[in-house]
């Protein structure tokens, strides 16, 4: 049975379990695999950074109320956030890094900034 390099498809000589013809092909193959995963991470990271930037621009004082449309019109994506925080009363704030929000009634959104301790 003939084996071929996973990167360049060259006929392999030597060990039966050999997968690559040389170190360069092994490196190329693994970089291609990593590149696909990193593209997804990069896309999500861009969304999170955009969300953070929008929250920061709409909340210069550290706590303010805006309409939901004020965020979505700027490109805010409510599907992406870094973490949540639940208060003792059961209210859940959604955060994108240090900037967070609380969805209120009538399409209002309370914006907050978590202060460092």
PDB file of N, CA and C in Angstrom:
ATOM      1  N   UNK A   1       0.833  -1.171   0.000  1.00  0.00           N
ATOM      2  CA  UNK A   1       0.000   0.000   0.000  1.00  0.00           C
ATOM      3  C   UNK A   1       0.884   1.242   0.000  1.00  0.00           C
ATOM      4  N   UNK A   2       0.583   2.173  -0.885  1.00  0.00           N
ATOM      5  CA  UNK A   2       1.369   3.384  -0.993  1.00  0.00           C
ATOM      6  C   UNK A   2       0.755   4.483  -0.132  1.00  0.00           C
ATOM      7  N   UNK A   3       1.617   5.241   0.548  1.00  0.00           N
ATOM      8  CA  UNK A   3       1.182   6.382   1.353  1.00  0.00           C
ATOM      9  C   UNK A   3       1.652   7.659   0.689  1.00  0.00           C
ATOM     10  N   UNK A   4       0.836   8.698   0.828  1.00  0.00           N
ATOM     11  CA  UNK A   4       1.162   9.987   0.227  1.00  0.00           C
ATOM     12  C   UNK A   4       1.197  11.063   1.311  1.00  0.00           C
ATOM     13  N   UNK A   5       2.060  12.052   1.099  1.00  0.00           N
ATOM     14  CA  UNK A   5       2.209  13.168   2.031  1.00  0.00           C
ATOM     15  C   UNK A   5       0.870  13.894   2.170  1.00  0.00           C
ATOM     16  N   UNK A   6       0.477  14.179   3.410  1.00  0.00           N
ATOM     17  CA  UNK A   6      -0.797  14.856   3.662  1.00  0.00           C
ATOM     18  C   UNK A   6      -0.794  16.298   3.174  1.00  0.00           C
ATOM     19  N   UNK A   7       0.371  16.888   2.973  1.00  0.00           N
ATOM     20  CA  UNK A   7       0.441  18.274   2.526  1.00  0.00           C
ATOM     21  C   UNK A   7       0.600  18.385   1.012  1.00  0.00           C
ATOM     22  N   UNK A   8       1.610  17.769   0.457  1.00  0.00           N
ATOM     23  CA  UNK A   8       1.909  17.956  -0.969  1.00  0.00           C
ATOM     24  C   UNK A   8       1.520  16.768  -1.841  1.00  0.00           C
ATOM     25  N   UNK A   9       1.034  15.698  -1.214  1.00  0.00           N
ATOM     26  CA  UNK A   9       0.558  14.510  -1.927  1.00  0.00           C
ATOM     27  C   UNK A   9       1.663  13.757  -2.685  1.00  0.00           C
ATOM     28  N   UNK A  10       2.913  13.914  -2.230  1.00  0.00           N
ATOM     29  CA  UNK A  10       4.040  13.196  -2.819  1.00  0.00           C
ATOM     30  C   UNK A  10       4.081  11.782  -2.251  1.00  0.00           C
ATOM     31  N   UNK A  11       4.491  10.816  -3.078  1.00  0.00           N
ATOM     32  CA  UNK A  11       4.643   9.436  -2.622  1.00  0.00           C
ATOM     33  C   UNK A  11       5.696   9.377  -1.523  1.00  0.00           C
ATOM     34  N   UNK A  12       5.341   8.734  -0.403  1.00  0.00           N
ATOM     35  CA  UNK A  12       6.246   8.650   0.744  1.00  0.00           C
ATOM     36  C   UNK A  12       7.093   7.394   0.683  1.00  0.00           C
ATOM     37  N   UNK A  13       8.330   7.513   1.104  1.00  0.00           N
ATOM     38  CA  UNK A  13       9.253   6.391   1.192  1.00  0.00           C
ATOM     39  C   UNK A  13       9.681   6.267   2.650  1.00  0.00           C
ATOM     40  N   UNK A  14       9.917   5.072   3.102  1.00  0.00           N
ATOM     41  CA  UNK A  14      10.392   4.876   4.465  1.00  0.00           C
ATOM     42  C   UNK A  14       9.360   4.172   5.316  1.00  0.00           C
ATOM     43  N   UNK A  15       9.203   4.641   6.527  1.00  0.00           N
ATOM     44  CA  UNK A  15       8.304   3.990   7.484  1.00  0.00           C
ATOM     45  C   UNK A  15       6.871   3.900   6.956  1.00  0.00           C
ATOM     46  N   UNK A  16       6.189   2.860   7.371  1.00  0.00           N
ATOM     47  CA  UNK A  16       4.815   2.621   6.945  1.00  0.00           C
ATOM     48  C   UNK A  16       3.860   3.681   7.503  1.00  0.00           C
ATOM     49  N   UNK A  17       4.140   4.163   8.714  1.00  0.00           N
ATOM     50  CA  UNK A  17       3.243   5.124   9.357  1.00  0.00           C
ATOM     51  C   UNK A  17       3.630   6.581   9.092  1.00  0.00           C
ATOM     52  N   UNK A  18       4.518   6.822   8.168  1.00  0.00           N
ATOM     53  CA  UNK A  18       4.964   8.171   7.844  1.00  0.00           C
ATOM     54  C   UNK A  18       3.819   8.955   7.192  1.00  0.00           C
ATOM     55  N   UNK A  19       3.641  10.253   7.594  1.00  0.00           N
ATOM     56  CA  UNK A  19       2.536  11.056   7.082  1.00  0.00           C
ATOM     57  C   UNK A  19       2.996  12.221   6.210  1.00  0.00           C
ATOM     58  N   UNK A  20       4.254  12.638   6.372  1.00  0.00           N
ATOM     59  CA  UNK A  20       4.763  13.798   5.647  1.00  0.00           C
ATOM     60  C   UNK A  20       6.118  13.462   5.050  1.00  0.00           C
ATOM     61  N   UNK A  21       6.440  14.113   3.932  1.00  0.00           N
ATOM     62  CA  UNK A  21       7.724  13.840   3.289  1.00  0.00           C
ATOM     63  C   UNK A  21       8.876  14.566   3.977  1.00  0.00           C
ATOM     64  N   UNK A  22       8.599  15.697   4.645  1.00  0.00           N
ATOM     65  CA  UNK A  22       9.655  16.419   5.366  1.00  0.00           C
ATOM     66  C   UNK A  22       9.020  17.337   6.411  1.00  0.00           C
ATOM     67  N   UNK A  23       9.897  18.017   7.164  1.00  0.00           N
ATOM     68  CA  UNK A  23       9.422  18.918   8.222  1.00  0.00           C
ATOM     69  C   UNK A  23       8.629  20.099   7.664  1.00  0.00           C
ATOM     70  N   UNK A  24       9.000  20.586   6.496  1.00  0.00           N
ATOM     71  CA  UNK A  24       8.302  21.722   5.893  1.00  0.00           C
ATOM     72  C   UNK A  24       6.845  21.361   5.596  1.00  0.00           C
ATOM     73  N   UNK A  25       6.608  20.186   5.043  1.00  0.00           N
ATOM     74  CA  UNK A  25       5.235  19.747   4.747  1.00  0.00           C
ATOM     75  C   UNK A  25       4.438  19.545   6.036  1.00  0.00           C
ATOM     76  N   UNK A  26       5.075  18.993   7.052  1.00  0.00           N
ATOM     77  CA  UNK A  26       4.398  18.812   8.341  1.00  0.00           C
ATOM     78  C   UNK A  26       3.991  20.160   8.910  1.00  0.00           C
ATOM     79  N   UNK A  27       4.903  21.123   8.837  1.00  0.00           N
ATOM     80  CA  UNK A  27       4.632  22.458   9.346  1.00  0.00           C
ATOM     81  C   UNK A  27       3.516  23.144   8.544  1.00  0.00           C
ATOM     82  N   UNK A  28       3.575  23.060   7.228  1.00  0.00           N
ATOM     83  CA  UNK A  28       2.539  23.644   6.365  1.00  0.00           C
ATOM     84  C   UNK A  28       1.164  23.075   6.684  1.00  0.00           C
ATOM     85  N   UNK A  29       1.094  21.775   6.820  1.00  0.00           N
ATOM     86  CA  UNK A  29      -0.176  21.089   7.090  1.00  0.00           C
ATOM     87  C   UNK A  29      -0.773  21.542   8.422  1.00  0.00           C
ATOM     88  N   UNK A  30       0.052  21.573   9.454  1.00  0.00           N
ATOM     89  CA  UNK A  30      -0.431  21.982  10.777  1.00  0.00           C
ATOM     90  C   UNK A  30      -0.815  23.464  10.817  1.00  0.00           C
ATOM     91  N   UNK A  31      -0.086  24.308  10.087  1.00  0.00           N
ATOM     92  CA  UNK A  31      -0.438  25.728  10.021  1.00  0.00           C
ATOM     93  C   UNK A  31      -1.781  25.936   9.331  1.00  0.00           C
ATOM     94  N   UNK A  32      -2.072  25.150   8.312  1.00  0.00           N
ATOM     95  CA  UNK A  32      -3.374  25.234   7.635  1.00  0.00           C
ATOM     96  C   UNK A  32      -4.499  24.857   8.587  1.00  0.00           C
ATOM     97  N   UNK A  33      -4.280  23.821   9.382  1.00  0.00           N
ATOM     98  CA  UNK A  33      -5.300  23.398  10.340  1.00  0.00           C
ATOM     99  C   UNK A  33      -5.547  24.480  11.393  1.00  0.00           C
ATOM    100  N   UNK A  34      -4.465  25.049  11.920  1.00  0.00           N
ATOM    101  CA  UNK A  34      -4.585  26.095  12.934  1.00  0.00           C
ATOM    102  C   UNK A  34      -5.241  27.341  12.364  1.00  0.00           C
ATOM    103  N   UNK A  35      -4.951  27.645  11.122  1.00  0.00           N
ATOM    104  CA  UNK A  35      -5.491  28.838  10.480  1.00  0.00           C
ATOM    105  C   UNK A  35      -7.002  28.853  10.454  1.00  0.00           C
ATOM    106  N   UNK A  36      -7.618  27.708  10.236  1.00  0.00           N
ATOM    107  CA  UNK A  36      -9.079  27.620  10.207  1.00  0.00           C
ATOM    108  C   UNK A  36      -9.654  27.932  11.582  1.00  0.00           C
ATOM    109  N   UNK A  37      -9.066  27.368  12.636  1.00  0.00           N
ATOM    110  CA  UNK A  37      -9.540  27.625  13.996  1.00  0.00           C
ATOM    111  C   UNK A  37      -9.308  29.079  14.381  1.00  0.00           C
ATOM    112  N   UNK A  38      -8.168  29.609  14.018  1.00  0.00           N
ATOM    113  CA  UNK A  38      -7.840  30.978  14.396  1.00  0.00           C
ATOM    114  C   UNK A  38      -8.740  31.986  13.691  1.00  0.00           C
ATOM    115  N   UNK A  39      -9.231  31.664  12.497  1.00  0.00           N
ATOM    116  CA  UNK A  39     -10.130  32.570  11.783  1.00  0.00           C
ATOM    117  C   UNK A  39     -11.431  32.745  12.559  1.00  0.00           C
ATOM    118  N   UNK A  40     -11.935  31.670  13.126  1.00  0.00           N
ATOM    119  CA  UNK A  40     -13.164  31.740  13.924  1.00  0.00           C
ATOM    120  C   UNK A  40     -12.930  32.576  15.181  1.00  0.00           C
ATOM    121  N   UNK A  41     -11.834  32.334  15.859  1.00  0.00           N
ATOM    122  CA  UNK A  41     -11.502  33.079  17.079  1.00  0.00           C
ATOM    123  C   UNK A  41     -11.320  34.562  16.750  1.00  0.00           C
ATOM    124  N   UNK A  42     -10.673  34.858  15.655  1.00  0.00           N
ATOM    125  CA  UNK A  42     -10.439  36.243  15.258  1.00  0.00           C
ATOM    126  C   UNK A  42     -11.763  36.955  14.976  1.00  0.00           C
ATOM    127  N   UNK A  43     -12.677  36.287  14.310  1.00  0.00           N
ATOM    128  CA  UNK A  43     -13.982  36.873  14.003  1.00  0.00           C
ATOM    129  C   UNK A  43     -14.770  37.180  15.282  1.00  0.00           C
ATOM    130  N   UNK A  44     -14.783  36.244  16.214  1.00  0.00           N
ATOM    131  CA  UNK A  44     -15.488  36.451  17.486  1.00  0.00           C
ATOM    132  C   UNK A  44     -14.829  37.569  18.285  1.00  0.00           C
ATOM    133  N   UNK A  45     -13.508  37.600  18.297  1.00  0.00           N
ATOM    134  CA  UNK A  45     -12.784  38.639  19.019  1.00  0.00           C
ATOM    135  C   UNK A  45     -13.105  40.023  18.452  1.00  0.00           C
ATOM    136  N   UNK A  46     -13.239  40.134  17.144  1.00  0.00           N
ATOM    137  CA  UNK A  46     -13.594  41.415  16.518  1.00  0.00           C
ATOM    138  C   UNK A  46     -14.988  41.861  16.952  1.00  0.00           C
ATOM    139  N   UNK A  47     -15.928  40.932  17.030  1.00  0.00           N
ATOM    140  CA  UNK A  47     -17.286  41.256  17.474  1.00  0.00           C
ATOM    141  C   UNK A  47     -17.262  41.739  18.918  1.00  0.00           C
ATOM    142  N   UNK A  48     -16.529  41.029  19.782  1.00  0.00           N
ATOM    143  CA  UNK A  48     -16.442  41.427  21.188  1.00  0.00           C
ATOM    144  C   UNK A  48     -15.812  42.808  21.343  1.00  0.00           C
ATOM    145  N   UNK A  49     -14.761  43.081  20.595  1.00  0.00           N
ATOM    146  CA  UNK A  49     -14.109  44.384  20.674  1.00  0.00           C
ATOM    147  C   UNK A  49     -15.030  45.496  20.168  1.00  0.00           C
ATOM    148  N   UNK A  50     -15.783  45.218  19.103  1.00  0.00           N
ATOM    149  CA  UNK A  50     -16.740  46.198  18.598  1.00  0.00           C
ATOM    150  C   UNK A  50     -17.819  46.462  19.644  1.00  0.00           C
ATOM    151  N   UNK A  51     -18.348  45.406  20.261  1.00  0.00           N
ATOM    152  CA  UNK A  51     -19.353  45.566  21.309  1.00  0.00           C
ATOM    153  C   UNK A  51     -18.810  46.419  22.459  1.00  0.00           C
ATOM    154  N   UNK A  52     -17.590  46.137  22.900  1.00  0.00           N
ATOM    155  CA  UNK A  52     -16.985  46.897  23.988  1.00  0.00           C
ATOM    156  C   UNK A  52     -16.840  48.359  23.622  1.00  0.00           C
ATOM    157  N   UNK A  53     -16.390  48.624  22.414  1.00  0.00           N
ATOM    158  CA  UNK A  53     -16.204  49.995  21.951  1.00  0.00           C
ATOM    159  C   UNK A  53     -17.533  50.751  21.933  1.00  0.00           C
ATOM    160  N   UNK A  54     -18.588  50.104  21.474  1.00  0.00           N
ATOM    161  CA  UNK A  54     -19.913  50.730  21.440  1.00  0.00           C
ATOM    162  C   UNK A  54     -20.404  51.017  22.849  1.00  0.00           C
ATOM    163  N   UNK A  55     -20.273  50.051  23.750  1.00  0.00           N
ATOM    164  CA  UNK A  55     -20.696  50.260  25.132  1.00  0.00           C
ATOM    165  C   UNK A  55     -19.919  51.409  25.773  1.00  0.00           C
ATOM    166  N   UNK A  56     -18.629  51.476  25.523  1.00  0.00           N
ATOM    167  CA  UNK A  56     -17.796  52.539  26.092  1.00  0.00           C
ATOM    168  C   UNK A  56     -18.212  53.907  25.546  1.00  0.00           C
ATOM    169  N   UNK A  57     -18.496  53.982  24.260  1.00  0.00           N
ATOM    170  CA  UNK A  57     -18.855  55.271  23.666  1.00  0.00           C
ATOM    171  C   UNK A  57     -20.222  55.762  24.132  1.00  0.00           C
ATOM    172  N   UNK A  58     -21.125  54.853  24.437  1.00  0.00           N
ATOM    173  CA  UNK A  58     -22.469  55.224  24.876  1.00  0.00           C
ATOM    174  C   UNK A  58     -22.558  55.427  26.390  1.00  0.00           C
ATOM    175  N   UNK A  59     -21.487  55.129  27.118  1.00  0.00           N
ATOM    176  CA  UNK A  59     -21.513  55.194  28.572  1.00  0.00           C
ATOM    177  C   UNK A  59     -20.287  55.935  29.120  1.00  0.00           C
ATOM    178  N   UNK A  60     -20.161  57.229  28.856  1.00  0.00           N
ATOM    179  CA  UNK A  60     -18.973  57.956  29.313  1.00  0.00           C
ATOM    180  C   UNK A  60     -18.930  58.192  30.828  1.00  0.00           C
ATOM    181  N   UNK A  61     -20.084  58.137  31.504  1.00  0.00           N
ATOM    182  CA  UNK A  61     -20.131  58.447  32.930  1.00  0.00           C
ATOM    183  C   UNK A  61     -20.038  57.218  33.826  1.00  0.00           C
ATOM    184  N   UNK A  62     -20.152  56.029  33.255  1.00  0.00           N
ATOM    185  CA  UNK A  62     -20.081  54.810  34.060  1.00  0.00           C
ATOM    186  C   UNK A  62     -21.429  54.177  34.325  1.00  0.00           C
ATOM    187  N   UNK A  63     -22.511  54.942  34.144  1.00  0.00           N
ATOM    188  CA  UNK A  63     -23.852  54.396  34.314  1.00  0.00           C
ATOM    189  C   UNK A  63     -24.829  55.300  33.575  1.00  0.00           C
ATOM    190  N   UNK A  64     -25.525  54.735  32.603  1.00  0.00           N
ATOM    191  CA  UNK A  64     -26.478  55.518  31.820  1.00  0.00           C
ATOM    192  C   UNK A  64     -27.532  54.607  31.207  1.00  0.00           C
ATOM    193  N   UNK A  65     -28.632  55.198  30.784  1.00  0.00           N
ATOM    194  CA  UNK A  65     -29.711  54.439  30.158  1.00  0.00           C
ATOM    195  C   UNK A  65     -29.849  54.883  28.709  1.00  0.00           C
ATOM    196  N   UNK A  66     -29.936  53.907  27.800  1.00  0.00           N
ATOM    197  CA  UNK A  66     -30.119  54.190  26.376  1.00  0.00           C
ATOM    198  C   UNK A  66     -31.186  53.253  25.824  1.00  0.00           C
ATOM    199  N   UNK A  67     -31.636  53.543  24.632  1.00  0.00           N
ATOM    200  CA  UNK A  67     -32.555  52.658  23.932  1.00  0.00           C
ATOM    201  C   UNK A  67     -31.746  51.544  23.255  1.00  0.00           C
ATOM    202  N   UNK A  68     -32.338  50.389  23.156  1.00  0.00           N
ATOM    203  CA  UNK A  68     -31.682  49.243  22.507  1.00  0.00           C
ATOM    204  C   UNK A  68     -31.251  49.601  21.081  1.00  0.00           C
ATOM    205  N   UNK A  69     -32.067  50.353  20.382  1.00  0.00           N
ATOM    206  CA  UNK A  69     -31.760  50.727  18.997  1.00  0.00           C
ATOM    207  C   UNK A  69     -30.499  51.590  18.905  1.00  0.00           C
ATOM    208  N   UNK A  70     -30.180  52.342  19.961  1.00  0.00           N
ATOM    209  CA  UNK A  70     -28.963  53.152  19.951  1.00  0.00           C
ATOM    210  C   UNK A  70     -27.728  52.264  19.869  1.00  0.00           C
ATOM    211  N   UNK A  71     -27.817  51.071  20.399  1.00  0.00           N
ATOM    212  CA  UNK A  71     -26.697  50.120  20.333  1.00  0.00           C
ATOM    213  C   UNK A  71     -26.701  49.363  19.004  1.00  0.00           C
ATOM    214  N   UNK A  72     -27.862  48.852  18.617  1.00  0.00           N
ATOM    215  CA  UNK A  72     -27.930  48.054  17.384  1.00  0.00           C
ATOM    216  C   UNK A  72     -27.637  48.895  16.150  1.00  0.00           C
ATOM    217  N   UNK A  73     -28.004  50.169  16.179  1.00  0.00           N
ATOM    218  CA  UNK A  73     -27.711  51.046  15.039  1.00  0.00           C
ATOM    219  C   UNK A  73     -26.209  51.226  14.831  1.00  0.00           C
ATOM    220  N   UNK A  74     -25.443  51.097  15.892  1.00  0.00           N
ATOM    221  CA  UNK A  74     -23.977  51.208  15.813  1.00  0.00           C
ATOM    222  C   UNK A  74     -23.312  49.869  15.465  1.00  0.00           C
ATOM    223  N   UNK A  75     -24.107  48.782  15.411  1.00  0.00           N
ATOM    224  CA  UNK A  75     -23.556  47.468  15.071  1.00  0.00           C
ATOM    225  C   UNK A  75     -23.375  46.537  16.249  1.00  0.00           C
ATOM    226  N   UNK A  76     -23.964  46.876  17.402  1.00  0.00           N
ATOM    227  CA  UNK A  76     -23.832  46.024  18.589  1.00  0.00           C
ATOM    228  C   UNK A  76     -24.524  44.689  18.350  1.00  0.00           C
ATOM    229  N   UNK A  77     -23.867  43.599  18.743  1.00  0.00           N
ATOM    230  CA  UNK A  77     -24.409  42.251  18.576  1.00  0.00           C
ATOM    231  C   UNK A  77     -24.684  41.667  19.963  1.00  0.00           C
ATOM    232  N   UNK A  78     -25.957  41.553  20.320  1.00  0.00           N
ATOM    233  CA  UNK A  78     -26.349  41.081  21.644  1.00  0.00           C
ATOM    234  C   UNK A  78     -26.077  39.587  21.852  1.00  0.00           C
ATOM    235  N   UNK A  79     -25.700  38.872  20.816  1.00  0.00           N
ATOM    236  CA  UNK A  79     -25.424  37.438  20.938  1.00  0.00           C
ATOM    237  C   UNK A  79     -24.030  37.144  21.489  1.00  0.00           C
ATOM    238  N   UNK A  80     -23.178  38.153  21.552  1.00  0.00           N
ATOM    239  CA  UNK A  80     -21.796  37.938  21.991  1.00  0.00           C
ATOM    240  C   UNK A  80     -21.487  38.779  23.223  1.00  0.00           C
ATOM    241  N   UNK A  81     -20.943  38.118  24.250  1.00  0.00           N
ATOM    242  CA  UNK A  81     -20.514  38.788  25.470  1.00  0.00           C
ATOM    243  C   UNK A  81     -19.445  37.933  26.138  1.00  0.00           C
ATOM    244  N   UNK A  82     -18.749  38.516  27.110  1.00  0.00           N
ATOM    245  CA  UNK A  82     -17.666  37.765  27.755  1.00  0.00           C
ATOM    246  C   UNK A  82     -18.124  37.029  29.007  1.00  0.00           C
ATOM    247  N   UNK A  83     -19.054  37.630  29.764  1.00  0.00           N
ATOM    248  CA  UNK A  83     -19.518  36.971  30.983  1.00  0.00           C
ATOM    249  C   UNK A  83     -20.793  37.632  31.490  1.00  0.00           C
ATOM    250  N   UNK A  84     -21.399  37.017  32.487  1.00  0.00           N
ATOM    251  CA  UNK A  84     -22.583  37.583  33.123  1.00  0.00           C
ATOM    252  C   UNK A  84     -22.317  37.737  34.615  1.00  0.00           C
ATOM    253  N   UNK A  85     -23.121  38.592  35.244  1.00  0.00           N
ATOM    254  CA  UNK A  85     -23.018  38.790  36.681  1.00  0.00           C
ATOM    255  C   UNK A  85     -24.429  38.835  37.248  1.00  0.00           C
ATOM    256  N   UNK A  86     -24.688  37.984  38.216  1.00  0.00           N
ATOM    257  CA  UNK A  86     -26.004  37.947  38.841  1.00  0.00           C
ATOM    258  C   UNK A  86     -25.917  38.568  40.234  1.00  0.00           C
ATOM    259  N   UNK A  87     -26.798  39.538  40.478  1.00  0.00           N
ATOM    260  CA  UNK A  87     -26.824  40.206  41.778  1.00  0.00           C
ATOM    261  C   UNK A  87     -27.528  39.315  42.801  1.00  0.00           C
ATOM    262  N   UNK A  88     -27.479  39.707  44.065  1.00  0.00           N
ATOM    263  CA  UNK A  88     -28.146  38.942  45.113  1.00  0.00           C
ATOM    264  C   UNK A  88     -29.662  38.927  44.911  1.00  0.00           C
ATOM    265  N   UNK A  89     -30.193  39.949  44.249  1.00  0.00           N
ATOM    266  CA  UNK A  89     -31.635  40.015  43.979  1.00  0.00           C
ATOM    267  C   UNK A  89     -32.030  39.190  42.758  1.00  0.00           C
ATOM    268  N   UNK A  90     -31.057  38.617  42.053  1.00  0.00           N
ATOM    269  CA  UNK A  90     -31.345  37.773  40.899  1.00  0.00           C
ATOM    270  C   UNK A  90     -31.317  38.498  39.567  1.00  0.00           C
ATOM    271  N   UNK A  91     -30.913  39.754  39.557  1.00  0.00           N
ATOM    272  CA  UNK A  91     -30.795  40.518  38.319  1.00  0.00           C
ATOM    273  C   UNK A  91     -29.504  40.112  37.611  1.00  0.00           C
ATOM    274  N   UNK A  92     -29.596  39.849  36.312  1.00  0.00           N
ATOM    275  CA  UNK A  92     -28.431  39.411  35.557  1.00  0.00           C
ATOM    276  C   UNK A  92     -27.925  40.509  34.634  1.00  0.00           C
ATOM    277  N   UNK A  93     -26.710  40.955  34.875  1.00  0.00           N
ATOM    278  CA  UNK A  93     -26.032  41.916  34.001  1.00  0.00           C
ATOM    279  C   UNK A  93     -25.177  41.123  33.019  1.00  0.00           C
ATOM    280  N   UNK A  94     -25.137  41.583  31.795  1.00  0.00           N
ATOM    281  CA  UNK A  94     -24.349  40.943  30.751  1.00  0.00           C
ATOM    282  C   UNK A  94     -23.162  41.855  30.448  1.00  0.00           C
ATOM    283  N   UNK A  95     -21.960  41.281  30.431  1.00  0.00           N
ATOM    284  CA  UNK A  95     -20.744  42.082  30.272  1.00  0.00           C
ATOM    285  C   UNK A  95     -19.984  41.734  29.005  1.00  0.00           C
ATOM    286  N   UNK A  96     -19.354  42.760  28.479  1.00  0.00           N
ATOM    287  CA  UNK A  96     -18.376  42.624  27.410  1.00  0.00           C
ATOM    288  C   UNK A  96     -17.115  43.295  27.960  1.00  0.00           C
ATOM    289  N   UNK A  97     -16.250  42.474  28.523  1.00  0.00           N
ATOM    290  CA  UNK A  97     -15.090  42.921  29.274  1.00  0.00           C
ATOM    291  C   UNK A  97     -15.574  43.716  30.486  1.00  0.00           C
ATOM    292  N   UNK A  98     -15.155  44.962  30.682  1.00  0.00           N
ATOM    293  CA  UNK A  98     -15.554  45.692  31.886  1.00  0.00           C
ATOM    294  C   UNK A  98     -16.850  46.486  31.714  1.00  0.00           C
ATOM    295  N   UNK A  99     -17.385  46.531  30.509  1.00  0.00           N
ATOM    296  CA  UNK A  99     -18.632  47.251  30.247  1.00  0.00           C
ATOM    297  C   UNK A  99     -19.793  46.258  30.198  1.00  0.00           C
ATOM    298  N   UNK A 100     -20.865  46.614  30.886  1.00  0.00           N
ATOM    299  CA  UNK A 100     -22.002  45.710  30.950  1.00  0.00           C
ATOM    300  C   UNK A 100     -23.304  46.422  30.687  1.00  0.00           C
ATOM    301  N   UNK A 101     -24.369  45.617  30.606  1.00  0.00           N
ATOM    302  CA  UNK A 101     -25.694  46.177  30.390  1.00  0.00           C
ATOM    303  C   UNK A 101     -26.745  45.285  31.027  1.00  0.00           C
ATOM    304  N   UNK A 102     -27.885  45.908  31.277  1.00  0.00           N
ATOM    305  CA  UNK A 102     -29.047  45.228  31.816  1.00  0.00           C
ATOM    306  C   UNK A 102     -30.218  45.581  30.926  1.00  0.00           C
ATOM    307  N   UNK A 103     -30.875  44.567  30.373  1.00  0.00           N
ATOM    308  CA  UNK A 103     -32.036  44.804  29.520  1.00  0.00           C
ATOM    309  C   UNK A 103     -33.225  45.161  30.397  1.00  0.00           C
ATOM    310  N   UNK A 104     -33.842  46.297  30.109  1.00  0.00           N
ATOM    311  CA  UNK A 104     -34.984  46.787  30.867  1.00  0.00           C
ATOM    312  C   UNK A 104     -36.243  46.720  30.011  1.00  0.00           C
ATOM    313  N   UNK A 105     -37.338  47.193  30.556  1.00  0.00           N
ATOM    314  CA  UNK A 105     -38.598  47.233  29.812  1.00  0.00           C
ATOM    315  C   UNK A 105     -38.568  48.348  28.771  1.00  0.00           C
ATOM    316  N   UNK A 106     -39.506  48.287  27.814  1.00  0.00           N
ATOM    317  CA  UNK A 106     -39.678  49.320  26.783  1.00  0.00           C
ATOM    318  C   UNK A 106     -38.422  49.553  25.947  1.00  0.00           C
ATOM    319  N   UNK A 107     -37.680  48.475  25.681  1.00  0.00           N
ATOM    320  CA  UNK A 107     -36.473  48.554  24.850  1.00  0.00           C
ATOM    321  C   UNK A 107     -35.365  49.427  25.457  1.00  0.00           C
ATOM    322  N   UNK A 108     -35.453  49.698  26.754  1.00  0.00           N
ATOM    323  CA  UNK A 108     -34.393  50.437  27.428  1.00  0.00           C
ATOM    324  C   UNK A 108     -33.276  49.485  27.848  1.00  0.00           C
ATOM    325  N   UNK A 109     -32.068  50.016  27.893  1.00  0.00           N
ATOM    326  CA  UNK A 109     -30.895  49.251  28.314  1.00  0.00           C
ATOM    327  C   UNK A 109     -30.104  50.112  29.298  1.00  0.00           C
ATOM    328  N   UNK A 110     -29.824  49.583  30.462  1.00  0.00           N
ATOM    329  CA  UNK A 110     -29.006  50.266  31.452  1.00  0.00           C
ATOM    330  C   UNK A 110     -27.552  49.847  31.227  1.00  0.00           C
ATOM    331  N   UNK A 111     -26.707  50.827  30.951  1.00  0.00           N
ATOM    332  CA  UNK A 111     -25.283  50.564  30.712  1.00  0.00           C
ATOM    333  C   UNK A 111     -24.513  50.848  31.990  1.00  0.00           C
ATOM    334  N   UNK A 112     -23.562  49.962  32.319  1.00  0.00           N
ATOM    335  CA  UNK A 112     -22.743  50.125  33.502  1.00  0.00           C
ATOM    336  C   UNK A 112     -21.293  49.820  33.159  1.00  0.00           C
ATOM    337  N   UNK A 113     -20.409  50.294  34.016  1.00  0.00           N
ATOM    338  CA  UNK A 113     -18.988  49.974  33.874  1.00  0.00           C
ATOM    339  C   UNK A 113     -18.518  49.415  35.198  1.00  0.00           C
ATOM    340  N   UNK A 114     -17.895  48.264  35.158  1.00  0.00           N
ATOM    341  CA  UNK A 114     -17.379  47.651  36.370  1.00  0.00           C
ATOM    342  C   UNK A 114     -16.100  48.353  36.777  1.00  0.00           C
ATOM    343  N   UNK A 115     -16.081  48.855  37.975  1.00  0.00           N
ATOM    344  CA  UNK A 115     -14.914  49.567  38.480  1.00  0.00           C
ATOM    345  C   UNK A 115     -13.931  48.577  39.095  1.00  0.00           C
ATOM    346  N   UNK A 116     -12.657  48.839  38.890  1.00  0.00           N
ATOM    347  CA  UNK A 116     -11.612  48.000  39.472  1.00  0.00           C
ATOM    348  C   UNK A 116     -11.586  48.197  40.973  1.00  0.00           C
ATOM    349  N   UNK A 117     -11.320  47.123  41.701  1.00  0.00           N
ATOM    350  CA  UNK A 117     -11.281  47.192  43.174  1.00  0.00           C
ATOM    351  C   UNK A 117      -9.920  47.563  43.651  1.00  0.00           C
TER     352      UNK A 117
END
